[in-house]
Amino acid sequence: MAKYPDENVLVIPRSLLDEIGSFQGLCLEPQLYLPAFLDPENNFFLSRDEAEDDPSHKQIIPYAIFHHQGRFLHYVRGGGSGEKRLHAKGSIGIGGHINSEDADLASLDKDTYTIGVEREVDEEINLTGSHKQEIVALINDDSNEVGAVHIGVVHLFDLESSDVTPNEANIEDLQFYTPEELQARHESMESWSQICHEGLETILARRSES
């Protein structure tokens, strides 16, 4: 029986990542990869049921991190989470697939990718006040079965207000913490959040230099 009936998700061939240069963990030079990833010649929509078990493709996952005055949003994934393998894990990222509903195309370009990112954030949390965002990194983690079929695009959201509330029941215990305070929660985080947490200081330092 299909777990994700009628859901098609954006993927790239794993070979494309290998061709540009595969990496493990956090890559702080997303500009080297994204033009190729978001070129409609290189991506397409694949049945999620097929994609979840096919490491010859990578599902492109926007992974949004929310920052306000030196603190970062953390939450716990509840039982209603779409990715059951991440249930009860702590997270500093709101992530989700880019679905075929985000485009009337067989593939996706940068503009429709951005629409998909905003949709995913709006589905999961409510933001108060204005914000700005930028892509700061990519995540690749081939050390586990979830990471082997996904690649993350890390979006850093700078928020005007810390008034953030969940828009889905599976997002629990939403709170802002400093990177130091997050250290006590590090071991209980999903692997992508661990990777991002370890790179937060570097990400912020690079932004302050630019």
N, C-alpha and C. Protein backbone atom coordinates (compact mmCIF):
# COMPACT_ATOMS: atom_id res chain seq x y z
N MET A 1 0.85 -1.20 0.00
CA MET A 1 0.00 0.00 0.00
C MET A 1 0.88 1.25 0.00
N ALA A 2 0.52 2.22 -0.79
CA ALA A 2 1.29 3.45 -0.90
C ALA A 2 1.17 4.27 0.40
N LYS A 3 2.30 4.77 0.90
CA LYS A 3 2.30 5.62 2.07
C LYS A 3 1.92 7.05 1.71
N TYR A 4 2.30 7.47 0.50
CA TYR A 4 2.09 8.86 0.08
C TYR A 4 1.37 8.87 -1.27
N PRO A 5 0.12 8.42 -1.30
CA PRO A 5 -0.60 8.35 -2.58
C PRO A 5 -0.76 9.72 -3.22
N ASP A 6 -0.51 9.76 -4.51
CA ASP A 6 -0.71 10.98 -5.32
C ASP A 6 0.22 12.12 -4.94
N GLU A 7 1.31 11.84 -4.21
CA GLU A 7 2.26 12.90 -3.89
C GLU A 7 3.52 12.72 -4.72
N ASN A 8 3.86 13.77 -5.45
CA ASN A 8 5.06 13.78 -6.27
C ASN A 8 6.00 14.87 -5.76
N VAL A 9 7.28 14.54 -5.62
CA VAL A 9 8.22 15.46 -4.99
C VAL A 9 9.39 15.76 -5.93
N LEU A 10 9.98 16.94 -5.73
CA LEU A 10 11.08 17.39 -6.58
C LEU A 10 12.36 16.63 -6.24
N VAL A 11 13.02 16.11 -7.27
CA VAL A 11 14.26 15.36 -7.08
C VAL A 11 15.29 15.78 -8.12
N ILE A 12 16.55 15.49 -7.78
CA ILE A 12 17.64 15.55 -8.75
C ILE A 12 18.31 14.18 -8.76
N PRO A 13 19.00 13.81 -9.82
CA PRO A 13 19.77 12.57 -9.80
C PRO A 13 20.93 12.70 -8.80
N ARG A 14 21.17 11.66 -8.04
CA ARG A 14 22.31 11.66 -7.13
C ARG A 14 23.62 11.92 -7.90
N SER A 15 23.64 11.47 -9.13
CA SER A 15 24.85 11.63 -9.95
C SER A 15 25.18 13.10 -10.18
N LEU A 16 24.17 13.99 -10.17
CA LEU A 16 24.44 15.42 -10.34
C LEU A 16 25.22 15.96 -9.15
N LEU A 17 24.82 15.57 -7.94
CA LEU A 17 25.58 15.97 -6.75
C LEU A 17 27.01 15.46 -6.82
N ASP A 18 27.17 14.22 -7.21
CA ASP A 18 28.51 13.64 -7.30
C ASP A 18 29.36 14.35 -8.36
N GLU A 19 28.71 14.74 -9.44
CA GLU A 19 29.42 15.42 -10.53
C GLU A 19 29.96 16.78 -10.09
N ILE A 20 29.14 17.54 -9.35
CA ILE A 20 29.57 18.86 -8.87
C ILE A 20 30.58 18.70 -7.74
N GLY A 21 30.33 17.73 -6.89
CA GLY A 21 31.22 17.49 -5.75
C GLY A 21 30.45 17.09 -4.52
N SER A 22 30.36 15.80 -4.26
CA SER A 22 29.63 15.33 -3.09
C SER A 22 30.33 15.75 -1.80
N PHE A 23 29.58 15.90 -0.73
CA PHE A 23 30.13 16.30 0.56
C PHE A 23 29.29 15.66 1.65
N GLN A 24 29.82 15.59 2.84
CA GLN A 24 29.10 15.08 4.00
C GLN A 24 29.00 16.19 5.02
N GLY A 25 27.77 16.47 5.47
CA GLY A 25 27.57 17.52 6.46
C GLY A 25 27.11 18.82 5.84
N LEU A 26 27.67 19.93 6.31
CA LEU A 26 27.23 21.26 5.90
C LEU A 26 28.17 21.83 4.85
N CYS A 27 27.59 22.36 3.78
CA CYS A 27 28.36 23.06 2.75
C CYS A 27 27.95 24.53 2.77
N LEU A 28 28.92 25.42 3.00
CA LEU A 28 28.63 26.85 3.12
C LEU A 28 28.77 27.59 1.80
N GLU A 29 28.82 26.84 0.70
CA GLU A 29 28.89 27.46 -0.63
C GLU A 29 27.75 26.94 -1.51
N PRO A 30 26.51 27.23 -1.11
CA PRO A 30 25.36 26.71 -1.88
C PRO A 30 25.32 27.22 -3.30
N GLN A 31 25.96 28.37 -3.55
CA GLN A 31 25.92 28.95 -4.89
C GLN A 31 26.63 28.06 -5.92
N LEU A 32 27.46 27.14 -5.46
CA LEU A 32 28.15 26.24 -6.38
C LEU A 32 27.23 25.14 -6.90
N TYR A 33 26.12 24.91 -6.21
CA TYR A 33 25.23 23.79 -6.51
C TYR A 33 23.85 24.20 -7.02
N LEU A 34 23.29 25.26 -6.42
CA LEU A 34 21.88 25.57 -6.68
C LEU A 34 21.55 25.89 -8.13
N PRO A 35 22.41 26.61 -8.87
CA PRO A 35 22.05 26.85 -10.27
C PRO A 35 21.80 25.55 -11.03
N ALA A 36 22.59 24.52 -10.76
CA ALA A 36 22.40 23.23 -11.43
C ALA A 36 21.18 22.50 -10.87
N PHE A 37 21.00 22.54 -9.54
CA PHE A 37 19.86 21.85 -8.93
C PHE A 37 18.53 22.41 -9.42
N LEU A 38 18.47 23.75 -9.60
CA LEU A 38 17.21 24.40 -9.96
C LEU A 38 17.10 24.68 -11.45
N ASP A 39 17.98 24.10 -12.21
CA ASP A 39 17.87 24.14 -13.68
C ASP A 39 16.83 23.10 -14.09
N PRO A 40 15.74 23.52 -14.76
CA PRO A 40 14.69 22.56 -15.14
C PRO A 40 15.20 21.39 -15.97
N GLU A 41 16.38 21.52 -16.54
CA GLU A 41 16.95 20.40 -17.29
C GLU A 41 17.41 19.28 -16.36
N ASN A 42 17.61 19.62 -15.08
CA ASN A 42 18.23 18.66 -14.16
C ASN A 42 17.32 18.12 -13.08
N ASN A 43 16.12 18.68 -12.92
CA ASN A 43 15.24 18.19 -11.86
C ASN A 43 13.89 17.78 -12.43
N PHE A 44 13.17 16.99 -11.68
CA PHE A 44 11.84 16.55 -12.10
C PHE A 44 11.09 16.04 -10.88
N PHE A 45 9.80 15.77 -11.06
CA PHE A 45 8.97 15.27 -9.98
C PHE A 45 8.86 13.75 -10.07
N LEU A 46 9.00 13.12 -8.90
CA LEU A 46 8.97 11.66 -8.79
C LEU A 46 8.00 11.29 -7.69
N SER A 47 7.31 10.18 -7.85
CA SER A 47 6.43 9.69 -6.80
C SER A 47 7.19 9.61 -5.48
N ARG A 48 6.63 10.17 -4.41
CA ARG A 48 7.33 10.16 -3.13
C ARG A 48 7.56 8.74 -2.63
N ASP A 49 6.60 7.86 -2.87
CA ASP A 49 6.79 6.48 -2.45
C ASP A 49 8.02 5.87 -3.09
N GLU A 50 8.26 6.19 -4.34
CA GLU A 50 9.44 5.69 -5.02
C GLU A 50 10.70 6.41 -4.53
N ALA A 51 10.59 7.73 -4.37
CA ALA A 51 11.77 8.53 -4.01
C ALA A 51 12.30 8.18 -2.62
N GLU A 52 11.41 7.84 -1.68
CA GLU A 52 11.84 7.57 -0.31
C GLU A 52 12.74 6.34 -0.20
N ASP A 53 12.67 5.46 -1.18
CA ASP A 53 13.46 4.23 -1.13
C ASP A 53 14.48 4.14 -2.26
N ASP A 54 14.79 5.29 -2.87
CA ASP A 54 15.65 5.28 -4.05
C ASP A 54 16.83 6.23 -3.86
N PRO A 55 17.98 5.74 -3.35
CA PRO A 55 19.13 6.62 -3.13
C PRO A 55 19.83 7.07 -4.40
N SER A 56 19.33 6.65 -5.57
CA SER A 56 19.90 7.17 -6.82
C SER A 56 19.34 8.56 -7.14
N HIS A 57 18.39 9.02 -6.33
CA HIS A 57 17.85 10.37 -6.45
C HIS A 57 17.92 11.06 -5.09
N LYS A 58 18.00 12.37 -5.11
CA LYS A 58 17.97 13.18 -3.90
C LYS A 58 16.75 14.09 -3.96
N GLN A 59 15.89 14.02 -2.94
CA GLN A 59 14.76 14.94 -2.83
C GLN A 59 15.27 16.28 -2.30
N ILE A 60 14.91 17.36 -2.97
CA ILE A 60 15.34 18.70 -2.56
C ILE A 60 14.41 19.20 -1.46
N ILE A 61 14.98 19.46 -0.28
CA ILE A 61 14.19 19.86 0.88
C ILE A 61 14.62 21.23 1.38
N PRO A 62 13.80 22.26 1.24
CA PRO A 62 14.10 23.52 1.92
C PRO A 62 14.07 23.29 3.43
N TYR A 63 15.08 23.80 4.13
CA TYR A 63 15.19 23.62 5.58
C TYR A 63 15.37 25.00 6.19
N ALA A 64 14.28 25.53 6.76
CA ALA A 64 14.25 26.92 7.23
C ALA A 64 14.60 27.00 8.71
N ILE A 65 15.58 27.84 9.03
CA ILE A 65 15.98 28.11 10.40
C ILE A 65 15.59 29.55 10.73
N PHE A 66 15.06 29.76 11.95
CA PHE A 66 14.49 31.06 12.30
C PHE A 66 15.30 31.70 13.43
N HIS A 67 15.76 32.92 13.15
CA HIS A 67 16.69 33.63 14.03
C HIS A 67 16.07 34.94 14.50
N HIS A 68 16.19 35.21 15.80
CA HIS A 68 15.73 36.49 16.34
C HIS A 68 16.66 36.91 17.46
N GLN A 69 17.41 37.98 17.22
CA GLN A 69 18.28 38.59 18.22
C GLN A 69 19.18 37.57 18.91
N GLY A 70 19.87 36.78 18.11
CA GLY A 70 20.85 35.85 18.65
C GLY A 70 20.30 34.53 19.13
N ARG A 71 18.99 34.32 19.00
CA ARG A 71 18.38 33.06 19.42
C ARG A 71 17.73 32.38 18.22
N PHE A 72 17.59 31.06 18.32
CA PHE A 72 17.09 30.26 17.22
C PHE A 72 15.89 29.42 17.67
N LEU A 73 14.93 29.28 16.77
CA LEU A 73 13.71 28.54 17.09
C LEU A 73 13.99 27.04 17.15
N HIS A 74 13.49 26.40 18.21
CA HIS A 74 13.63 24.95 18.40
C HIS A 74 12.24 24.39 18.71
N TYR A 75 11.98 23.19 18.22
CA TYR A 75 10.71 22.53 18.52
C TYR A 75 10.94 21.02 18.55
N VAL A 76 9.90 20.30 18.96
CA VAL A 76 9.94 18.83 18.99
C VAL A 76 8.89 18.32 18.02
N ARG A 77 9.28 17.34 17.22
CA ARG A 77 8.35 16.76 16.24
C ARG A 77 7.38 15.82 16.94
N GLY A 78 6.08 16.12 16.82
CA GLY A 78 5.07 15.28 17.43
C GLY A 78 4.73 14.06 16.60
N GLY A 79 3.79 13.26 17.11
CA GLY A 79 3.44 12.00 16.46
C GLY A 79 2.78 12.15 15.12
N GLY A 80 2.27 13.35 14.82
CA GLY A 80 1.62 13.56 13.53
C GLY A 80 2.56 13.94 12.42
N SER A 81 3.86 13.93 12.70
CA SER A 81 4.84 14.32 11.69
C SER A 81 4.76 13.43 10.48
N GLY A 82 4.86 14.06 9.28
CA GLY A 82 4.80 13.28 8.04
C GLY A 82 5.95 12.31 7.91
N GLU A 83 7.11 12.64 8.47
CA GLU A 83 8.27 11.75 8.42
C GLU A 83 8.37 11.00 9.74
N LYS A 84 7.81 9.77 9.78
CA LYS A 84 7.72 9.01 11.02
C LYS A 84 9.09 8.69 11.60
N ARG A 85 10.11 8.63 10.76
CA ARG A 85 11.44 8.30 11.25
C ARG A 85 12.03 9.42 12.11
N LEU A 86 11.40 10.60 12.10
CA LEU A 86 11.90 11.73 12.88
C LEU A 86 11.02 12.05 14.08
N HIS A 87 10.03 11.20 14.37
CA HIS A 87 9.11 11.42 15.49
C HIS A 87 9.86 11.59 16.81
N ALA A 88 9.46 12.60 17.58
CA ALA A 88 9.98 12.90 18.92
C ALA A 88 11.38 13.50 18.90
N LYS A 89 11.92 13.76 17.73
CA LYS A 89 13.23 14.39 17.63
C LYS A 89 13.10 15.90 17.78
N GLY A 90 14.11 16.51 18.40
CA GLY A 90 14.18 17.97 18.43
C GLY A 90 14.65 18.49 17.09
N SER A 91 14.27 19.72 16.76
CA SER A 91 14.65 20.30 15.46
C SER A 91 14.77 21.81 15.56
N ILE A 92 15.72 22.36 14.79
CA ILE A 92 15.78 23.82 14.63
C ILE A 92 15.41 24.20 13.20
N GLY A 93 14.92 23.24 12.43
CA GLY A 93 14.57 23.51 11.04
C GLY A 93 13.16 23.11 10.70
N ILE A 94 12.49 23.95 9.94
CA ILE A 94 11.20 23.60 9.34
C ILE A 94 11.51 23.15 7.92
N GLY A 95 11.25 21.89 7.63
CA GLY A 95 11.58 21.35 6.32
C GLY A 95 10.37 20.70 5.67
N GLY A 96 10.40 20.64 4.36
CA GLY A 96 9.32 20.00 3.65
C GLY A 96 9.65 19.83 2.18
N HIS A 97 8.94 18.93 1.55
CA HIS A 97 9.17 18.66 0.14
C HIS A 97 8.61 19.78 -0.74
N ILE A 98 9.20 19.91 -1.91
CA ILE A 98 8.61 20.73 -2.96
C ILE A 98 7.74 19.79 -3.79
N ASN A 99 6.45 20.07 -3.82
CA ASN A 99 5.49 19.19 -4.48
C ASN A 99 5.13 19.69 -5.87
N SER A 100 4.59 18.78 -6.66
CA SER A 100 4.22 19.15 -8.03
C SER A 100 3.15 20.23 -8.06
N GLU A 101 2.39 20.39 -6.94
CA GLU A 101 1.38 21.44 -6.89
C GLU A 101 2.00 22.84 -6.90
N ASP A 102 3.29 22.91 -6.60
CA ASP A 102 3.97 24.21 -6.60
C ASP A 102 4.29 24.70 -8.00
N ALA A 103 4.09 23.87 -8.99
CA ALA A 103 4.40 24.26 -10.37
C ALA A 103 3.54 23.48 -11.33
N ASP A 104 3.16 24.12 -12.42
CA ASP A 104 2.42 23.44 -13.48
C ASP A 104 3.40 22.94 -14.53
N LEU A 105 4.53 22.45 -14.05
CA LEU A 105 5.60 22.03 -14.94
C LEU A 105 6.03 20.62 -14.59
N ALA A 106 6.84 20.02 -15.45
CA ALA A 106 7.41 18.72 -15.14
C ALA A 106 8.67 18.87 -14.30
N SER A 107 9.14 20.11 -14.15
CA SER A 107 10.34 20.39 -13.36
C SER A 107 10.15 21.75 -12.71
N LEU A 108 11.19 22.24 -12.03
CA LEU A 108 11.02 23.46 -11.25
C LEU A 108 12.20 24.39 -11.44
N ASP A 109 11.93 25.71 -11.54
CA ASP A 109 13.01 26.69 -11.61
C ASP A 109 13.08 27.44 -10.28
N LYS A 110 13.94 28.45 -10.22
CA LYS A 110 14.19 29.14 -8.95
C LYS A 110 12.94 29.83 -8.42
N ASP A 111 12.15 30.46 -9.31
CA ASP A 111 10.98 31.20 -8.84
C ASP A 111 9.94 30.28 -8.21
N THR A 112 9.66 29.16 -8.85
CA THR A 112 8.66 28.27 -8.29
C THR A 112 9.19 27.52 -7.07
N TYR A 113 10.49 27.34 -7.00
CA TYR A 113 11.10 26.79 -5.78
C TYR A 113 10.82 27.73 -4.60
N THR A 114 11.00 29.03 -4.82
CA THR A 114 10.77 30.00 -3.75
C THR A 114 9.32 29.97 -3.28
N ILE A 115 8.38 29.81 -4.21
CA ILE A 115 6.97 29.69 -3.84
C ILE A 115 6.76 28.48 -2.93
N GLY A 116 7.43 27.38 -3.26
CA GLY A 116 7.31 26.17 -2.46
C GLY A 116 7.85 26.35 -1.05
N VAL A 117 8.93 27.10 -0.92
CA VAL A 117 9.51 27.36 0.40
C VAL A 117 8.53 28.14 1.26
N GLU A 118 8.00 29.23 0.73
CA GLU A 118 7.06 30.05 1.48
C GLU A 118 5.81 29.26 1.86
N ARG A 119 5.34 28.40 0.95
CA ARG A 119 4.17 27.57 1.25
C ARG A 119 4.44 26.65 2.43
N GLU A 120 5.60 26.01 2.42
CA GLU A 120 5.93 25.06 3.48
C GLU A 120 6.00 25.75 4.84
N VAL A 121 6.62 26.92 4.88
CA VAL A 121 6.71 27.66 6.14
C VAL A 121 5.32 28.06 6.62
N ASP A 122 4.49 28.59 5.72
CA ASP A 122 3.14 29.02 6.09
C ASP A 122 2.29 27.87 6.59
N GLU A 123 2.52 26.67 6.06
CA GLU A 123 1.75 25.50 6.49
C GLU A 123 2.08 25.10 7.92
N GLU A 124 3.31 25.32 8.34
CA GLU A 124 3.76 24.74 9.60
C GLU A 124 3.82 25.72 10.76
N ILE A 125 4.12 27.01 10.50
CA ILE A 125 4.17 27.98 11.60
C ILE A 125 3.56 29.30 11.18
N ASN A 126 3.18 30.09 12.19
CA ASN A 126 2.66 31.43 11.97
C ASN A 126 3.70 32.44 12.44
N LEU A 127 4.11 33.32 11.54
CA LEU A 127 5.09 34.34 11.86
C LEU A 127 4.38 35.69 12.05
N THR A 128 4.83 36.44 13.05
CA THR A 128 4.30 37.79 13.30
C THR A 128 5.37 38.81 12.91
N GLY A 129 4.96 39.83 12.19
CA GLY A 129 5.93 40.84 11.77
C GLY A 129 6.64 40.42 10.50
N SER A 130 7.51 41.30 10.06
CA SER A 130 8.19 41.05 8.80
C SER A 130 9.40 40.13 9.01
N HIS A 131 9.94 39.64 7.91
CA HIS A 131 11.15 38.82 7.97
C HIS A 131 11.89 38.93 6.65
N LYS A 132 13.14 38.58 6.69
CA LYS A 132 13.91 38.42 5.47
C LYS A 132 14.62 37.09 5.55
N GLN A 133 14.93 36.53 4.39
CA GLN A 133 15.57 35.22 4.38
C GLN A 133 16.65 35.17 3.32
N GLU A 134 17.58 34.27 3.52
CA GLU A 134 18.61 34.01 2.53
C GLU A 134 19.05 32.55 2.63
N ILE A 135 19.52 32.01 1.53
CA ILE A 135 20.06 30.66 1.51
C ILE A 135 21.51 30.73 1.98
N VAL A 136 21.84 29.96 3.01
CA VAL A 136 23.17 30.07 3.61
C VAL A 136 23.99 28.79 3.52
N ALA A 137 23.36 27.66 3.19
CA ALA A 137 24.11 26.40 3.20
C ALA A 137 23.31 25.29 2.54
N LEU A 138 23.97 24.19 2.32
CA LEU A 138 23.34 22.93 1.93
C LEU A 138 23.70 21.88 2.97
N ILE A 139 22.81 20.89 3.13
CA ILE A 139 23.07 19.77 4.03
C ILE A 139 23.00 18.47 3.23
N ASN A 140 24.01 17.64 3.40
CA ASN A 140 23.96 16.27 2.87
C ASN A 140 24.45 15.33 3.97
N ASP A 141 23.64 14.35 4.29
CA ASP A 141 24.00 13.39 5.33
C ASP A 141 23.66 11.98 4.85
N ASP A 142 24.66 11.30 4.33
CA ASP A 142 24.46 9.95 3.82
C ASP A 142 24.66 8.88 4.89
N SER A 143 24.73 9.29 6.16
CA SER A 143 25.00 8.33 7.23
C SER A 143 23.77 7.58 7.70
N ASN A 144 22.58 7.97 7.22
CA ASN A 144 21.35 7.28 7.64
C ASN A 144 20.38 7.22 6.48
N GLU A 145 19.34 6.40 6.61
CA GLU A 145 18.44 6.14 5.49
C GLU A 145 17.59 7.34 5.11
N VAL A 146 17.31 8.23 6.07
CA VAL A 146 16.56 9.45 5.75
C VAL A 146 17.45 10.38 4.91
N GLY A 147 18.65 10.63 5.41
CA GLY A 147 19.55 11.55 4.72
C GLY A 147 19.99 11.06 3.36
N ALA A 148 20.05 9.74 3.18
CA ALA A 148 20.55 9.19 1.92
C ALA A 148 19.68 9.55 0.73
N VAL A 149 18.41 9.90 0.97
CA VAL A 149 17.51 10.20 -0.15
C VAL A 149 17.06 11.66 -0.16
N HIS A 150 17.73 12.50 0.64
CA HIS A 150 17.37 13.92 0.69
C HIS A 150 18.62 14.79 0.62
N ILE A 151 18.45 16.01 0.15
CA ILE A 151 19.47 17.05 0.30
C ILE A 151 18.77 18.32 0.75
N GLY A 152 19.33 18.99 1.77
CA GLY A 152 18.69 20.15 2.36
C GLY A 152 19.26 21.46 1.85
N VAL A 153 18.38 22.42 1.64
CA VAL A 153 18.78 23.79 1.30
C VAL A 153 18.44 24.65 2.51
N VAL A 154 19.46 25.14 3.20
CA VAL A 154 19.25 25.84 4.47
C VAL A 154 18.92 27.31 4.21
N HIS A 155 17.73 27.70 4.63
CA HIS A 155 17.27 29.09 4.54
C HIS A 155 17.30 29.69 5.94
N LEU A 156 18.01 30.78 6.13
CA LEU A 156 18.03 31.48 7.41
C LEU A 156 17.06 32.64 7.36
N PHE A 157 16.04 32.59 8.21
CA PHE A 157 15.04 33.64 8.32
C PHE A 157 15.41 34.54 9.49
N ASP A 158 15.57 35.82 9.23
CA ASP A 158 15.75 36.81 10.29
C ASP A 158 14.39 37.43 10.58
N LEU A 159 13.93 37.26 11.83
CA LEU A 159 12.57 37.65 12.20
C LEU A 159 12.56 38.99 12.93
N GLU A 160 11.55 39.79 12.62
CA GLU A 160 11.34 41.05 13.33
C GLU A 160 10.80 40.80 14.73
N SER A 161 10.03 39.71 14.88
CA SER A 161 9.39 39.40 16.16
C SER A 161 9.62 37.94 16.52
N SER A 162 9.70 37.67 17.82
CA SER A 162 9.82 36.29 18.29
C SER A 162 8.46 35.65 18.54
N ASP A 163 7.41 36.34 18.16
CA ASP A 163 6.05 35.80 18.32
C ASP A 163 5.78 34.81 17.19
N VAL A 164 6.09 33.55 17.44
CA VAL A 164 5.91 32.48 16.46
C VAL A 164 5.06 31.39 17.10
N THR A 165 4.03 30.95 16.40
CA THR A 165 3.17 29.90 16.92
C THR A 165 3.05 28.77 15.90
N PRO A 166 2.80 27.54 16.37
CA PRO A 166 2.66 26.42 15.44
C PRO A 166 1.37 26.47 14.67
N ASN A 167 1.42 26.01 13.44
CA ASN A 167 0.23 25.93 12.60
C ASN A 167 -0.17 24.48 12.37
N GLU A 168 0.60 23.55 12.96
CA GLU A 168 0.31 22.13 12.86
C GLU A 168 0.50 21.50 14.23
N ALA A 169 -0.30 20.48 14.53
CA ALA A 169 -0.25 19.84 15.84
C ALA A 169 1.05 19.09 16.08
N ASN A 170 1.74 18.73 15.00
CA ASN A 170 2.96 17.94 15.19
C ASN A 170 4.18 18.80 15.54
N ILE A 171 3.99 20.11 15.67
CA ILE A 171 5.08 20.99 16.10
C ILE A 171 4.82 21.37 17.55
N GLU A 172 5.66 20.84 18.44
CA GLU A 172 5.43 20.98 19.88
C GLU A 172 6.59 21.72 20.54
N ASP A 173 6.27 22.39 21.64
CA ASP A 173 7.28 23.04 22.49
C ASP A 173 8.17 24.01 21.71
N LEU A 174 7.53 24.94 21.02
CA LEU A 174 8.26 25.96 20.25
C LEU A 174 8.89 26.97 21.20
N GLN A 175 10.22 27.10 21.14
CA GLN A 175 10.91 28.09 21.97
C GLN A 175 12.19 28.55 21.27
N PHE A 176 12.61 29.77 21.59
CA PHE A 176 13.87 30.29 21.07
C PHE A 176 14.99 30.05 22.09
N TYR A 177 16.17 29.66 21.58
CA TYR A 177 17.32 29.42 22.43
C TYR A 177 18.57 29.99 21.77
N THR A 178 19.55 30.35 22.59
CA THR A 178 20.85 30.71 22.06
C THR A 178 21.56 29.43 21.60
N PRO A 179 22.58 29.54 20.75
CA PRO A 179 23.33 28.34 20.36
C PRO A 179 23.89 27.59 21.57
N GLU A 180 24.28 28.32 22.61
CA GLU A 180 24.82 27.68 23.82
C GLU A 180 23.73 26.91 24.54
N GLU A 181 22.54 27.47 24.63
CA GLU A 181 21.42 26.77 25.28
C GLU A 181 21.00 25.54 24.49
N LEU A 182 21.16 25.60 23.18
CA LEU A 182 20.79 24.45 22.34
C LEU A 182 21.72 23.26 22.57
N GLN A 183 22.90 23.52 23.12
CA GLN A 183 23.85 22.43 23.32
C GLN A 183 23.27 21.33 24.20
N ALA A 184 22.48 21.68 25.19
CA ALA A 184 21.87 20.69 26.07
C ALA A 184 20.84 19.83 25.35
N ARG A 185 20.38 20.29 24.20
CA ARG A 185 19.37 19.57 23.42
C ARG A 185 19.96 18.91 22.18
N HIS A 186 21.26 19.08 22.00
CA HIS A 186 21.91 18.64 20.77
C HIS A 186 21.73 17.15 20.50
N GLU A 187 21.93 16.32 21.48
CA GLU A 187 21.89 14.87 21.27
C GLU A 187 20.50 14.36 20.92
N SER A 188 19.47 15.09 21.28
CA SER A 188 18.10 14.66 20.99
C SER A 188 17.58 15.22 19.67
N MET A 189 18.40 16.00 18.96
CA MET A 189 17.98 16.59 17.69
C MET A 189 18.11 15.60 16.55
N GLU A 190 17.29 15.80 15.51
CA GLU A 190 17.48 15.07 14.26
C GLU A 190 18.83 15.44 13.67
N SER A 191 19.35 14.58 12.81
CA SER A 191 20.73 14.76 12.35
C SER A 191 20.94 16.08 11.61
N TRP A 192 19.99 16.50 10.77
CA TRP A 192 20.16 17.75 10.06
C TRP A 192 20.27 18.93 11.02
N SER A 193 19.48 18.91 12.10
CA SER A 193 19.55 20.00 13.07
C SER A 193 20.88 19.96 13.83
N GLN A 194 21.38 18.78 14.12
CA GLN A 194 22.70 18.69 14.74
C GLN A 194 23.76 19.31 13.85
N ILE A 195 23.70 18.98 12.57
CA ILE A 195 24.67 19.52 11.61
C ILE A 195 24.56 21.04 11.55
N CYS A 196 23.33 21.57 11.47
CA CYS A 196 23.15 23.03 11.41
C CYS A 196 23.58 23.69 12.70
N HIS A 197 23.23 23.09 13.84
CA HIS A 197 23.61 23.66 15.13
C HIS A 197 25.12 23.80 15.23
N GLU A 198 25.84 22.80 14.79
CA GLU A 198 27.31 22.85 14.84
C GLU A 198 27.88 23.95 13.94
N GLY A 199 27.11 24.36 12.93
CA GLY A 199 27.59 25.38 12.00
C GLY A 199 27.03 26.77 12.22
N LEU A 200 26.19 26.97 13.25
CA LEU A 200 25.52 28.26 13.43
C LEU A 200 26.49 29.41 13.60
N GLU A 201 27.50 29.24 14.43
CA GLU A 201 28.43 30.34 14.67
C GLU A 201 29.17 30.73 13.39
N THR A 202 29.55 29.72 12.60
CA THR A 202 30.23 30.00 11.33
C THR A 202 29.31 30.72 10.37
N ILE A 203 28.06 30.28 10.30
CA ILE A 203 27.09 30.93 9.41
C ILE A 203 26.91 32.39 9.78
N LEU A 204 26.72 32.67 11.08
CA LEU A 204 26.52 34.05 11.51
C LEU A 204 27.77 34.89 11.30
N ALA A 205 28.94 34.30 11.51
CA ALA A 205 30.20 35.03 11.30
C ALA A 205 30.38 35.41 9.85
N ARG A 206 30.05 34.48 8.95
CA ARG A 206 30.18 34.76 7.51
C ARG A 206 29.22 35.88 7.08
N ARG A 207 28.02 35.88 7.68
CA ARG A 207 27.06 36.91 7.31
C ARG A 207 27.51 38.28 7.82
N SER A 208 28.12 38.33 8.99
CA SER A 208 28.56 39.61 9.53
C SER A 208 29.72 40.18 8.74
N GLU A 209 30.48 39.31 8.05
CA GLU A 209 31.61 39.75 7.26
C GLU A 209 31.18 40.28 5.89
N SER A 210 29.99 39.84 5.44
CA SER A 210 29.53 40.21 4.09
C SER A 210 28.85 41.57 4.08
